[in-house]
Amino acid sequence: MPKVLITYFTRTGNTEMMAKAIAEGVLINAHVELRRLFECPKNIESFDAIVIGSPNYYHTLTHNLKEFLEELAFRKVNLKGKIGGAFGSYGWSDEVPNMVLEIMKNRFEMDVVEPALLIKYTPDEKGLTDCKDFGIKIVKKIQKQS
């Protein structure tokens, strides 16, 4: 069964709600590891897909997310061809998840699911359904690769 890492940063809980709903969609046909974004897991190359969630803070990546991505680069982690996805909640600007997708594509040569999943403020019932569908979409892309 495919393995999916969903890692996220949250302050208000909105991005965490999204991560949990995405995990529900993934769990239909894959194993999932859901974790807060604190450090890069040592076994990250063992995952078939990596999905990163981050809110927008002042039009830029959070400090934790920058450190996570820098650690991947510093360790020369090979993610080429792996499935990547990005999501996040936002208030007035929504560029961070798309920035993450660009980094996944251009720096790590990942095969990303586009577009990034964006939800304004707190996800409502429709938003949580969109998150679950995003998780399903990630797994379908893994299955297509196989």
N, C-alpha and C. Protein backbone atom coordinates (compact mmCIF):
# COMPACT_ATOMS: atom_id res chain seq x y z
N MET A 1 0.84 -1.18 0.00
CA MET A 1 0.00 0.00 0.00
C MET A 1 0.89 1.25 0.00
N PRO A 2 0.50 2.28 -0.74
CA PRO A 2 1.30 3.52 -0.76
C PRO A 2 1.34 4.18 0.62
N LYS A 3 2.42 4.95 0.83
CA LYS A 3 2.59 5.69 2.09
C LYS A 3 2.62 7.18 1.78
N VAL A 4 1.84 7.93 2.54
CA VAL A 4 1.74 9.37 2.33
C VAL A 4 2.08 10.09 3.65
N LEU A 5 2.98 11.06 3.54
CA LEU A 5 3.30 11.92 4.67
C LEU A 5 2.54 13.23 4.49
N ILE A 6 1.75 13.58 5.50
CA ILE A 6 1.09 14.89 5.52
C ILE A 6 1.69 15.63 6.70
N THR A 7 2.41 16.69 6.40
CA THR A 7 3.04 17.48 7.45
C THR A 7 2.57 18.92 7.32
N TYR A 8 2.36 19.58 8.44
CA TYR A 8 1.73 20.89 8.39
C TYR A 8 2.15 21.74 9.57
N PHE A 9 1.98 23.05 9.40
CA PHE A 9 2.16 24.01 10.47
C PHE A 9 0.83 24.74 10.64
N THR A 10 0.48 25.00 11.88
CA THR A 10 -0.77 25.72 12.15
C THR A 10 -0.62 26.54 13.41
N ARG A 11 -1.29 27.65 13.46
CA ARG A 11 -1.37 28.46 14.68
C ARG A 11 -2.80 28.52 15.18
N THR A 12 -3.71 28.66 14.25
CA THR A 12 -5.12 28.83 14.62
C THR A 12 -5.89 27.51 14.62
N GLY A 13 -5.30 26.48 14.02
CA GLY A 13 -5.98 25.19 13.91
C GLY A 13 -6.64 24.96 12.57
N ASN A 14 -6.74 25.99 11.73
CA ASN A 14 -7.39 25.84 10.43
C ASN A 14 -6.63 24.88 9.52
N THR A 15 -5.33 25.04 9.44
CA THR A 15 -4.52 24.16 8.58
C THR A 15 -4.52 22.74 9.14
N GLU A 16 -4.55 22.60 10.44
CA GLU A 16 -4.63 21.26 11.04
C GLU A 16 -5.95 20.58 10.68
N MET A 17 -7.04 21.32 10.71
CA MET A 17 -8.34 20.76 10.30
C MET A 17 -8.26 20.25 8.86
N MET A 18 -7.61 21.04 8.00
CA MET A 18 -7.46 20.64 6.61
C MET A 18 -6.62 19.36 6.51
N ALA A 19 -5.52 19.31 7.26
CA ALA A 19 -4.62 18.14 7.22
C ALA A 19 -5.36 16.87 7.62
N LYS A 20 -6.15 16.95 8.66
CA LYS A 20 -6.89 15.78 9.13
C LYS A 20 -7.92 15.32 8.10
N ALA A 21 -8.57 16.27 7.43
CA ALA A 21 -9.55 15.91 6.41
C ALA A 21 -8.86 15.31 5.18
N ILE A 22 -7.71 15.84 4.80
CA ILE A 22 -6.93 15.27 3.69
C ILE A 22 -6.54 13.83 4.04
N ALA A 23 -6.11 13.63 5.28
CA ALA A 23 -5.73 12.28 5.73
C ALA A 23 -6.90 11.31 5.60
N GLU A 24 -8.12 11.76 5.88
CA GLU A 24 -9.29 10.89 5.71
C GLU A 24 -9.40 10.40 4.28
N GLY A 25 -9.16 11.29 3.33
CA GLY A 25 -9.22 10.91 1.92
C GLY A 25 -8.11 9.95 1.54
N VAL A 26 -6.93 10.17 2.08
CA VAL A 26 -5.78 9.30 1.79
C VAL A 26 -6.02 7.91 2.35
N LEU A 27 -6.58 7.84 3.56
CA LEU A 27 -6.73 6.56 4.26
C LEU A 27 -7.64 5.56 3.53
N ILE A 28 -8.39 6.03 2.56
CA ILE A 28 -9.25 5.12 1.80
C ILE A 28 -8.41 4.08 1.07
N ASN A 29 -7.25 4.50 0.52
CA ASN A 29 -6.42 3.58 -0.27
C ASN A 29 -4.93 3.64 0.00
N ALA A 30 -4.53 4.21 1.14
CA ALA A 30 -3.10 4.32 1.43
C ALA A 30 -2.89 4.46 2.93
N HIS A 31 -1.65 4.26 3.34
CA HIS A 31 -1.25 4.53 4.72
C HIS A 31 -0.90 6.01 4.80
N VAL A 32 -1.16 6.60 5.95
CA VAL A 32 -0.84 8.02 6.10
C VAL A 32 -0.13 8.24 7.43
N GLU A 33 0.85 9.14 7.39
CA GLU A 33 1.48 9.61 8.61
C GLU A 33 1.19 11.11 8.67
N LEU A 34 0.51 11.52 9.71
CA LEU A 34 0.11 12.90 9.90
C LEU A 34 0.95 13.48 11.02
N ARG A 35 1.69 14.55 10.72
CA ARG A 35 2.54 15.12 11.77
C ARG A 35 2.68 16.63 11.63
N ARG A 36 2.79 17.27 12.77
CA ARG A 36 3.05 18.71 12.79
C ARG A 36 4.45 18.94 12.24
N LEU A 37 4.62 20.07 11.61
CA LEU A 37 5.88 20.41 10.95
C LEU A 37 6.87 20.96 11.99
N PHE A 38 7.74 20.08 12.48
CA PHE A 38 8.77 20.51 13.40
C PHE A 38 10.15 20.18 12.86
N GLU A 39 10.31 18.96 12.38
CA GLU A 39 11.60 18.60 11.79
C GLU A 39 11.35 17.59 10.68
N CYS A 40 12.33 17.49 9.83
CA CYS A 40 12.24 16.59 8.69
C CYS A 40 12.43 15.15 9.16
N PRO A 41 11.47 14.26 8.88
CA PRO A 41 11.63 12.87 9.31
C PRO A 41 12.82 12.21 8.61
N LYS A 42 13.53 11.39 9.34
CA LYS A 42 14.71 10.70 8.78
C LYS A 42 14.34 9.77 7.65
N ASN A 43 13.12 9.23 7.67
CA ASN A 43 12.69 8.26 6.66
C ASN A 43 11.85 8.89 5.55
N ILE A 44 12.01 10.17 5.29
CA ILE A 44 11.13 10.88 4.36
C ILE A 44 11.17 10.28 2.95
N GLU A 45 12.29 9.72 2.56
CA GLU A 45 12.40 9.13 1.21
C GLU A 45 11.57 7.85 1.07
N SER A 46 11.09 7.29 2.18
CA SER A 46 10.31 6.06 2.10
C SER A 46 8.83 6.32 1.74
N PHE A 47 8.43 7.59 1.72
CA PHE A 47 7.05 7.93 1.40
C PHE A 47 6.86 8.05 -0.11
N ASP A 48 5.70 7.64 -0.58
CA ASP A 48 5.36 7.77 -2.00
C ASP A 48 4.89 9.19 -2.33
N ALA A 49 4.36 9.87 -1.34
CA ALA A 49 3.87 11.24 -1.52
C ALA A 49 4.14 12.04 -0.27
N ILE A 50 4.43 13.32 -0.48
CA ILE A 50 4.64 14.25 0.62
C ILE A 50 3.71 15.44 0.38
N VAL A 51 2.88 15.71 1.37
CA VAL A 51 1.89 16.78 1.28
C VAL A 51 2.19 17.76 2.41
N ILE A 52 2.38 19.02 2.05
CA ILE A 52 2.79 20.03 3.03
C ILE A 52 1.69 21.08 3.17
N GLY A 53 1.33 21.36 4.42
CA GLY A 53 0.32 22.37 4.69
C GLY A 53 0.89 23.53 5.47
N SER A 54 0.52 24.73 5.04
CA SER A 54 1.00 25.92 5.73
C SER A 54 0.02 27.07 5.53
N PRO A 55 -0.23 27.80 6.58
CA PRO A 55 -1.00 29.03 6.41
C PRO A 55 -0.11 30.10 5.78
N ASN A 56 -0.70 31.19 5.41
CA ASN A 56 0.04 32.34 4.89
C ASN A 56 0.30 33.30 6.04
N TYR A 57 1.54 33.69 6.22
CA TYR A 57 1.88 34.71 7.20
C TYR A 57 2.66 35.80 6.50
N TYR A 58 2.01 36.92 6.32
CA TYR A 58 2.65 38.09 5.75
C TYR A 58 3.33 37.80 4.41
N HIS A 59 2.63 37.08 3.55
CA HIS A 59 3.08 36.80 2.18
C HIS A 59 4.32 35.93 2.09
N THR A 60 4.60 35.13 3.10
CA THR A 60 5.81 34.32 3.04
C THR A 60 5.64 33.01 3.79
N LEU A 61 6.61 32.12 3.61
CA LEU A 61 6.64 30.84 4.30
C LEU A 61 6.89 31.07 5.79
N THR A 62 6.34 30.20 6.62
CA THR A 62 6.62 30.28 8.05
C THR A 62 8.06 29.85 8.29
N HIS A 63 8.60 30.24 9.41
CA HIS A 63 9.97 29.89 9.78
C HIS A 63 10.15 28.36 9.80
N ASN A 64 9.18 27.64 10.38
CA ASN A 64 9.26 26.18 10.46
C ASN A 64 9.32 25.55 9.08
N LEU A 65 8.51 26.07 8.16
CA LEU A 65 8.48 25.51 6.81
C LEU A 65 9.79 25.79 6.08
N LYS A 66 10.33 26.98 6.23
CA LYS A 66 11.63 27.29 5.62
C LYS A 66 12.70 26.33 6.13
N GLU A 67 12.73 26.13 7.44
CA GLU A 67 13.73 25.21 8.02
C GLU A 67 13.54 23.79 7.50
N PHE A 68 12.31 23.33 7.37
CA PHE A 68 12.01 21.99 6.86
C PHE A 68 12.56 21.83 5.45
N LEU A 69 12.25 22.78 4.58
CA LEU A 69 12.70 22.71 3.19
C LEU A 69 14.22 22.84 3.08
N GLU A 70 14.81 23.70 3.91
CA GLU A 70 16.26 23.84 3.91
C GLU A 70 16.94 22.56 4.38
N GLU A 71 16.35 21.88 5.35
CA GLU A 71 16.90 20.60 5.83
C GLU A 71 16.86 19.55 4.73
N LEU A 72 15.77 19.49 3.98
CA LEU A 72 15.69 18.55 2.85
C LEU A 72 16.82 18.82 1.86
N ALA A 73 17.03 20.08 1.54
CA ALA A 73 18.08 20.45 0.59
C ALA A 73 19.47 20.16 1.16
N PHE A 74 19.69 20.52 2.42
CA PHE A 74 20.99 20.31 3.06
C PHE A 74 21.35 18.83 3.11
N ARG A 75 20.37 17.99 3.43
CA ARG A 75 20.61 16.54 3.50
C ARG A 75 20.63 15.88 2.12
N LYS A 76 20.37 16.69 1.08
CA LYS A 76 20.34 16.17 -0.29
C LYS A 76 19.35 15.01 -0.43
N VAL A 77 18.18 15.19 0.18
CA VAL A 77 17.13 14.18 0.13
C VAL A 77 16.63 14.07 -1.31
N ASN A 78 16.57 12.86 -1.83
CA ASN A 78 16.13 12.63 -3.20
C ASN A 78 14.62 12.39 -3.23
N LEU A 79 13.89 13.38 -3.73
CA LEU A 79 12.44 13.29 -3.85
C LEU A 79 12.00 13.29 -5.31
N LYS A 80 12.95 13.17 -6.20
CA LYS A 80 12.67 13.22 -7.64
C LYS A 80 11.61 12.18 -8.02
N GLY A 81 10.56 12.66 -8.68
CA GLY A 81 9.50 11.79 -9.15
C GLY A 81 8.45 11.43 -8.13
N LYS A 82 8.68 11.76 -6.85
CA LYS A 82 7.67 11.48 -5.83
C LYS A 82 6.51 12.46 -5.99
N ILE A 83 5.35 12.06 -5.53
CA ILE A 83 4.17 12.92 -5.61
C ILE A 83 4.25 13.98 -4.51
N GLY A 84 3.92 15.20 -4.88
CA GLY A 84 3.91 16.30 -3.92
C GLY A 84 2.60 17.05 -3.98
N GLY A 85 2.21 17.59 -2.86
CA GLY A 85 1.00 18.39 -2.79
C GLY A 85 1.15 19.45 -1.72
N ALA A 86 0.38 20.53 -1.85
CA ALA A 86 0.46 21.62 -0.88
C ALA A 86 -0.95 22.15 -0.61
N PHE A 87 -1.15 22.61 0.60
CA PHE A 87 -2.45 23.14 1.00
C PHE A 87 -2.26 24.17 2.09
N GLY A 88 -3.29 24.98 2.31
CA GLY A 88 -3.22 25.93 3.39
C GLY A 88 -4.44 26.81 3.49
N SER A 89 -4.57 27.40 4.65
CA SER A 89 -5.63 28.37 4.87
C SER A 89 -5.01 29.77 4.75
N TYR A 90 -5.87 30.73 4.47
CA TYR A 90 -5.36 32.08 4.30
C TYR A 90 -6.43 33.09 4.69
N GLY A 91 -5.99 34.32 4.86
CA GLY A 91 -6.90 35.41 5.15
C GLY A 91 -6.97 36.34 3.95
N TRP A 92 -5.97 37.17 3.76
CA TRP A 92 -6.02 38.13 2.65
C TRP A 92 -5.07 37.77 1.51
N SER A 93 -4.15 36.86 1.70
CA SER A 93 -3.26 36.46 0.60
C SER A 93 -3.09 34.95 0.64
N ASP A 94 -2.89 34.34 -0.53
CA ASP A 94 -2.90 32.88 -0.58
C ASP A 94 -1.71 32.28 -1.33
N GLU A 95 -0.57 32.96 -1.33
CA GLU A 95 0.52 32.52 -2.18
C GLU A 95 1.40 31.39 -1.62
N VAL A 96 1.43 31.15 -0.34
CA VAL A 96 2.38 30.19 0.24
C VAL A 96 2.22 28.76 -0.29
N PRO A 97 1.03 28.16 -0.31
CA PRO A 97 0.95 26.80 -0.84
C PRO A 97 1.44 26.69 -2.29
N ASN A 98 1.19 27.73 -3.10
CA ASN A 98 1.71 27.70 -4.46
C ASN A 98 3.23 27.85 -4.50
N MET A 99 3.79 28.61 -3.56
CA MET A 99 5.25 28.71 -3.45
C MET A 99 5.84 27.34 -3.11
N VAL A 100 5.17 26.62 -2.21
CA VAL A 100 5.63 25.28 -1.83
C VAL A 100 5.62 24.36 -3.05
N LEU A 101 4.55 24.43 -3.86
CA LEU A 101 4.50 23.61 -5.07
C LEU A 101 5.66 23.93 -6.01
N GLU A 102 5.96 25.21 -6.17
CA GLU A 102 7.09 25.60 -7.03
C GLU A 102 8.40 25.03 -6.53
N ILE A 103 8.61 25.05 -5.23
CA ILE A 103 9.83 24.49 -4.64
C ILE A 103 9.86 22.98 -4.86
N MET A 104 8.73 22.33 -4.66
CA MET A 104 8.66 20.88 -4.88
C MET A 104 9.02 20.53 -6.33
N LYS A 105 8.44 21.29 -7.26
CA LYS A 105 8.69 21.02 -8.69
C LYS A 105 10.11 21.35 -9.10
N ASN A 106 10.56 22.54 -8.77
CA ASN A 106 11.81 23.05 -9.31
C ASN A 106 13.05 22.66 -8.51
N ARG A 107 12.95 22.59 -7.22
CA ARG A 107 14.12 22.23 -6.40
C ARG A 107 14.24 20.72 -6.21
N PHE A 108 13.10 20.07 -5.97
CA PHE A 108 13.13 18.65 -5.64
C PHE A 108 12.64 17.75 -6.77
N GLU A 109 12.24 18.34 -7.89
CA GLU A 109 11.80 17.60 -9.08
C GLU A 109 10.69 16.59 -8.78
N MET A 110 9.75 17.04 -7.96
CA MET A 110 8.62 16.19 -7.61
C MET A 110 7.51 16.33 -8.64
N ASP A 111 6.65 15.34 -8.71
CA ASP A 111 5.49 15.32 -9.58
C ASP A 111 4.31 15.82 -8.75
N VAL A 112 3.95 17.08 -8.89
CA VAL A 112 3.00 17.70 -7.97
C VAL A 112 1.56 17.65 -8.46
N VAL A 113 0.67 17.65 -7.49
CA VAL A 113 -0.77 17.76 -7.74
C VAL A 113 -1.08 19.26 -7.76
N GLU A 114 -1.60 19.71 -8.88
CA GLU A 114 -1.93 21.13 -9.01
C GLU A 114 -3.41 21.29 -9.26
N PRO A 115 -3.97 22.38 -8.81
CA PRO A 115 -3.37 23.45 -8.04
C PRO A 115 -3.29 23.09 -6.56
N ALA A 116 -2.63 23.95 -5.81
CA ALA A 116 -2.60 23.79 -4.35
C ALA A 116 -4.03 23.96 -3.83
N LEU A 117 -4.32 23.31 -2.73
CA LEU A 117 -5.63 23.42 -2.10
C LEU A 117 -5.62 24.62 -1.15
N LEU A 118 -6.49 25.57 -1.40
CA LEU A 118 -6.56 26.80 -0.61
C LEU A 118 -7.94 26.97 -0.03
N ILE A 119 -8.01 27.29 1.24
CA ILE A 119 -9.29 27.56 1.89
C ILE A 119 -9.17 28.84 2.70
N LYS A 120 -10.11 29.74 2.48
CA LYS A 120 -10.09 31.00 3.19
C LYS A 120 -10.62 30.81 4.61
N TYR A 121 -9.80 31.24 5.56
CA TYR A 121 -10.12 31.15 6.98
C TYR A 121 -10.37 29.71 7.43
N THR A 122 -11.42 29.49 8.20
CA THR A 122 -11.72 28.17 8.75
C THR A 122 -12.50 27.33 7.74
N PRO A 123 -12.06 26.09 7.49
CA PRO A 123 -12.80 25.27 6.53
C PRO A 123 -14.21 24.96 7.02
N ASP A 124 -15.18 25.17 6.13
CA ASP A 124 -16.56 24.79 6.43
C ASP A 124 -16.76 23.35 5.93
N GLU A 125 -18.00 22.89 5.94
CA GLU A 125 -18.28 21.50 5.53
C GLU A 125 -17.84 21.24 4.09
N LYS A 126 -18.11 22.19 3.20
CA LYS A 126 -17.68 22.04 1.81
C LYS A 126 -16.15 22.02 1.72
N GLY A 127 -15.50 22.88 2.48
CA GLY A 127 -14.04 22.93 2.49
C GLY A 127 -13.43 21.62 2.97
N LEU A 128 -14.03 21.03 4.01
CA LEU A 128 -13.52 19.76 4.52
C LEU A 128 -13.73 18.64 3.50
N THR A 129 -14.83 18.70 2.77
CA THR A 129 -15.06 17.73 1.69
C THR A 129 -14.01 17.92 0.59
N ASP A 130 -13.70 19.18 0.26
CA ASP A 130 -12.65 19.46 -0.73
C ASP A 130 -11.30 18.90 -0.26
N CYS A 131 -11.04 18.99 1.03
CA CYS A 131 -9.79 18.45 1.58
C CYS A 131 -9.75 16.93 1.42
N LYS A 132 -10.83 16.28 1.77
CA LYS A 132 -10.91 14.82 1.63
C LYS A 132 -10.70 14.42 0.17
N ASP A 133 -11.34 15.15 -0.74
CA ASP A 133 -11.18 14.89 -2.17
C ASP A 133 -9.73 15.10 -2.62
N PHE A 134 -9.06 16.08 -2.03
CA PHE A 134 -7.65 16.33 -2.34
C PHE A 134 -6.81 15.13 -1.93
N GLY A 135 -7.10 14.56 -0.77
CA GLY A 135 -6.40 13.35 -0.33
C GLY A 135 -6.61 12.20 -1.30
N ILE A 136 -7.83 12.04 -1.77
CA ILE A 136 -8.13 11.00 -2.76
C ILE A 136 -7.35 11.25 -4.05
N LYS A 137 -7.27 12.51 -4.45
CA LYS A 137 -6.54 12.90 -5.67
C LYS A 137 -5.05 12.55 -5.55
N ILE A 138 -4.48 12.75 -4.37
CA ILE A 138 -3.07 12.42 -4.13
C ILE A 138 -2.86 10.92 -4.36
N VAL A 139 -3.71 10.11 -3.77
CA VAL A 139 -3.57 8.65 -3.88
C VAL A 139 -3.76 8.19 -5.33
N LYS A 140 -4.72 8.78 -6.03
CA LYS A 140 -4.93 8.41 -7.44
C LYS A 140 -3.70 8.72 -8.28
N LYS A 141 -3.03 9.81 -7.97
CA LYS A 141 -1.81 10.16 -8.72
C LYS A 141 -0.69 9.16 -8.42
N ILE A 142 -0.61 8.68 -7.19
CA ILE A 142 0.37 7.63 -6.85
C ILE A 142 0.05 6.37 -7.64
N GLN A 143 -1.22 6.00 -7.65
CA GLN A 143 -1.63 4.78 -8.34
C GLN A 143 -1.37 4.86 -9.83
N LYS A 144 -1.53 6.04 -10.42
CA LYS A 144 -1.23 6.23 -11.84
C LYS A 144 0.25 5.99 -12.14
N GLN A 145 1.10 6.41 -11.21
CA GLN A 145 2.55 6.26 -11.37
C GLN A 145 2.97 4.80 -11.33
N SER A 146 2.24 4.00 -10.58
CA SER A 146 2.64 2.60 -10.37
C SER A 146 2.45 1.74 -11.59
